[in-house]
Amino acid sequence: MIVDHRTYTLHPGKTNEYLETYERHGFAIQSKHLGAPMGYFFTEIGPMNQVVHIWKYQSLAERDERRAKMMADPDWLAYIKLVQPLILLQENKILKAAKFMPQA
């Protein structure tokens, strides 16, 4: 199992707009392709204006396949155009589960 840990740093004051736009236009499309996220959060303490979302896959190959299908979806591409102006920086980490962790 791998975990895709994504952090988006948004322009100051744009967190609510980003989350509302994602809820209205992005969540259903992304979930259709990637499955339900393990979590979708925004920062309250620490570096501000950040959204963190976490996705689980069985392998990098599965991740690549699912993301390629999503990136070919015209509805997803339209959503990206809505939120791109809100995003200042994107950071992505791929994490592997320790062998003693349940592979749920």
C-alpha atoms as a PDB file:
ATOM      1  CA  MET A   1       0.000   0.000   0.000  1.00  0.00           C
ATOM      2  CA  ILE A   2       1.095   3.558  -0.690  1.00  0.00           C
ATOM      3  CA  VAL A   3      -0.316   6.871   0.452  1.00  0.00           C
ATOM      4  CA  ASP A   4      -0.354   9.999  -1.697  1.00  0.00           C
ATOM      5  CA  HIS A   5      -0.065  12.965   0.700  1.00  0.00           C
ATOM      6  CA  ARG A   6      -0.778  16.276  -1.039  1.00  0.00           C
ATOM      7  CA  THR A   7      -0.440  19.753   0.411  1.00  0.00           C
ATOM      8  CA  TYR A   8      -1.754  22.758  -1.466  1.00  0.00           C
ATOM      9  CA  THR A   9      -0.712  26.191  -0.251  1.00  0.00           C
ATOM     10  CA  LEU A  10      -3.345  28.679  -1.284  1.00  0.00           C
ATOM     11  CA  HIS A  11      -3.185  32.413  -1.782  1.00  0.00           C
ATOM     12  CA  PRO A  12      -3.972  34.138   1.543  1.00  0.00           C
ATOM     13  CA  GLY A  13      -7.687  34.365   2.194  1.00  0.00           C
ATOM     14  CA  LYS A  14      -8.629  31.770  -0.459  1.00  0.00           C
ATOM     15  CA  THR A  15      -9.051  28.643   1.688  1.00  0.00           C
ATOM     16  CA  ASN A  16     -12.840  28.855   1.997  1.00  0.00           C
ATOM     17  CA  GLU A  17     -13.255  29.615  -1.709  1.00  0.00           C
ATOM     18  CA  TYR A  18     -11.039  26.639  -2.596  1.00  0.00           C
ATOM     19  CA  LEU A  19     -12.920  24.248  -0.278  1.00  0.00           C
ATOM     20  CA  GLU A  20     -16.338  25.429  -1.489  1.00  0.00           C
ATOM     21  CA  THR A  21     -15.276  25.077  -5.134  1.00  0.00           C
ATOM     22  CA  TYR A  22     -13.852  21.606  -4.482  1.00  0.00           C
ATOM     23  CA  GLU A  23     -17.007  20.503  -2.668  1.00  0.00           C
ATOM     24  CA  ARG A  24     -19.274  21.790  -5.475  1.00  0.00           C
ATOM     25  CA  HIS A  25     -17.213  20.871  -8.531  1.00  0.00           C
ATOM     26  CA  GLY A  26     -14.236  18.631  -7.715  1.00  0.00           C
ATOM     27  CA  PHE A  27     -15.050  16.115  -4.998  1.00  0.00           C
ATOM     28  CA  ALA A  28     -17.476  13.916  -6.972  1.00  0.00           C
ATOM     29  CA  ILE A  29     -15.252  13.825 -10.056  1.00  0.00           C
ATOM     30  CA  GLN A  30     -12.079  13.070  -8.119  1.00  0.00           C
ATOM     31  CA  SER A  31     -13.764  10.425  -5.979  1.00  0.00           C
ATOM     32  CA  LYS A  32     -15.144   8.770  -9.134  1.00  0.00           C
ATOM     33  CA  HIS A  33     -11.589   8.224 -10.359  1.00  0.00           C
ATOM     34  CA  LEU A  34      -9.534   7.886  -7.163  1.00  0.00           C
ATOM     35  CA  GLY A  35     -12.031   6.481  -4.688  1.00  0.00           C
ATOM     36  CA  ALA A  36     -12.780   8.151  -1.369  1.00  0.00           C
ATOM     37  CA  PRO A  37      -9.883  10.074   0.154  1.00  0.00           C
ATOM     38  CA  MET A  38      -8.426   8.891   3.460  1.00  0.00           C
ATOM     39  CA  GLY A  39      -8.775  12.488   4.582  1.00  0.00           C
ATOM     40  CA  TYR A  40      -9.215  16.066   3.393  1.00  0.00           C
ATOM     41  CA  PHE A  41      -8.119  18.777   5.824  1.00  0.00           C
ATOM     42  CA  PHE A  42      -7.200  22.437   6.130  1.00  0.00           C
ATOM     43  CA  THR A  43      -4.729  23.938   8.563  1.00  0.00           C
ATOM     44  CA  GLU A  44      -5.929  25.649  11.721  1.00  0.00           C
ATOM     45  CA  ILE A  45      -2.597  25.877  13.553  1.00  0.00           C
ATOM     46  CA  GLY A  46       0.788  26.028  11.844  1.00  0.00           C
ATOM     47  CA  PRO A  47       1.401  27.181   8.281  1.00  0.00           C
ATOM     48  CA  MET A  48      -1.861  28.804   7.205  1.00  0.00           C
ATOM     49  CA  ASN A  49      -3.730  28.703   3.900  1.00  0.00           C
ATOM     50  CA  GLN A  50      -2.987  25.030   3.379  1.00  0.00           C
ATOM     51  CA  VAL A  51      -5.206  22.133   2.359  1.00  0.00           C
ATOM     52  CA  VAL A  52      -3.971  18.574   2.875  1.00  0.00           C
ATOM     53  CA  HIS A  53      -5.561  15.576   1.227  1.00  0.00           C
ATOM     54  CA  ILE A  54      -4.546  11.951   1.503  1.00  0.00           C
ATOM     55  CA  TRP A  55      -5.281   9.127  -0.957  1.00  0.00           C
ATOM     56  CA  LYS A  56      -4.584   5.392  -0.646  1.00  0.00           C
ATOM     57  CA  TYR A  57      -3.503   3.057  -3.460  1.00  0.00           C
ATOM     58  CA  GLN A  58      -2.290  -0.513  -3.666  1.00  0.00           C
ATOM     59  CA  SER A  59       0.711   0.516  -5.793  1.00  0.00           C
ATOM     60  CA  LEU A  60       2.288   3.335  -7.783  1.00  0.00           C
ATOM     61  CA  ALA A  61       0.982   1.657 -10.935  1.00  0.00           C
ATOM     62  CA  GLU A  62      -2.604   1.821  -9.637  1.00  0.00           C
ATOM     63  CA  ARG A  63      -2.102   5.477  -8.691  1.00  0.00           C
ATOM     64  CA  ASP A  64      -0.717   6.312 -12.125  1.00  0.00           C
ATOM     65  CA  GLU A  65      -3.584   4.516 -13.884  1.00  0.00           C
ATOM     66  CA  ARG A  66      -6.310   6.185 -11.821  1.00  0.00           C
ATOM     67  CA  ARG A  67      -4.742   9.649 -12.108  1.00  0.00           C
ATOM     68  CA  ALA A  68      -4.310   9.295 -15.880  1.00  0.00           C
ATOM     69  CA  LYS A  69      -8.034   8.535 -16.254  1.00  0.00           C
ATOM     70  CA  MET A  70      -8.903  11.510 -14.082  1.00  0.00           C
ATOM     71  CA  MET A  71      -6.640  13.820 -16.095  1.00  0.00           C
ATOM     72  CA  ALA A  72      -8.423  12.686 -19.280  1.00  0.00           C
ATOM     73  CA  ASP A  73     -11.841  13.614 -17.853  1.00  0.00           C
ATOM     74  CA  PRO A  74     -13.062  16.935 -19.347  1.00  0.00           C
ATOM     75  CA  ASP A  75     -15.046  17.673 -16.164  1.00  0.00           C
ATOM     76  CA  TRP A  76     -11.860  17.377 -14.093  1.00  0.00           C
ATOM     77  CA  LEU A  77      -9.979  19.640 -16.488  1.00  0.00           C
ATOM     78  CA  ALA A  78     -12.767  22.231 -16.190  1.00  0.00           C
ATOM     79  CA  TYR A  79     -12.548  22.016 -12.394  1.00  0.00           C
ATOM     80  CA  ILE A  80      -8.775  22.541 -12.482  1.00  0.00           C
ATOM     81  CA  LYS A  81      -9.309  25.812 -14.369  1.00  0.00           C
ATOM     82  CA  LEU A  82     -11.565  27.000 -11.534  1.00  0.00           C
ATOM     83  CA  VAL A  83      -9.089  26.336  -8.714  1.00  0.00           C
ATOM     84  CA  GLN A  84      -5.727  26.910 -10.380  1.00  0.00           C
ATOM     85  CA  PRO A  85      -5.800  30.673  -9.693  1.00  0.00           C
ATOM     86  CA  LEU A  86      -6.324  29.944  -5.971  1.00  0.00           C
ATOM     87  CA  ILE A  87      -3.252  27.703  -5.600  1.00  0.00           C
ATOM     88  CA  LEU A  88       0.166  29.155  -4.860  1.00  0.00           C
ATOM     89  CA  LEU A  89       2.159  25.931  -4.348  1.00  0.00           C
ATOM     90  CA  GLN A  90       1.593  22.176  -4.536  1.00  0.00           C
ATOM     91  CA  GLU A  91       3.625  19.563  -2.687  1.00  0.00           C
ATOM     92  CA  ASN A  92       3.226  15.832  -3.100  1.00  0.00           C
ATOM     93  CA  LYS A  93       4.680  12.981  -1.025  1.00  0.00           C
ATOM     94  CA  ILE A  94       4.350   9.268  -1.656  1.00  0.00           C
ATOM     95  CA  LEU A  95       4.475   7.306   1.595  1.00  0.00           C
ATOM     96  CA  LYS A  96       4.883   3.559   2.041  1.00  0.00           C
ATOM     97  CA  ALA A  97       3.275   1.763   4.973  1.00  0.00           C
ATOM     98  CA  ALA A  98       5.581   0.099   7.486  1.00  0.00           C
ATOM     99  CA  LYS A  99       5.330  -3.698   7.289  1.00  0.00           C
ATOM    100  CA  PHE A 100       3.598  -3.945  10.695  1.00  0.00           C
ATOM    101  CA  MET A 101       0.756  -1.605   9.645  1.00  0.00           C
ATOM    102  CA  PRO A 102      -2.562  -3.136   8.568  1.00  0.00           C
ATOM    103  CA  GLN A 103      -2.909  -2.935   4.780  1.00  0.00           C
ATOM    104  CA  ALA A 104      -6.603  -1.973   4.880  1.00  0.00           C
END
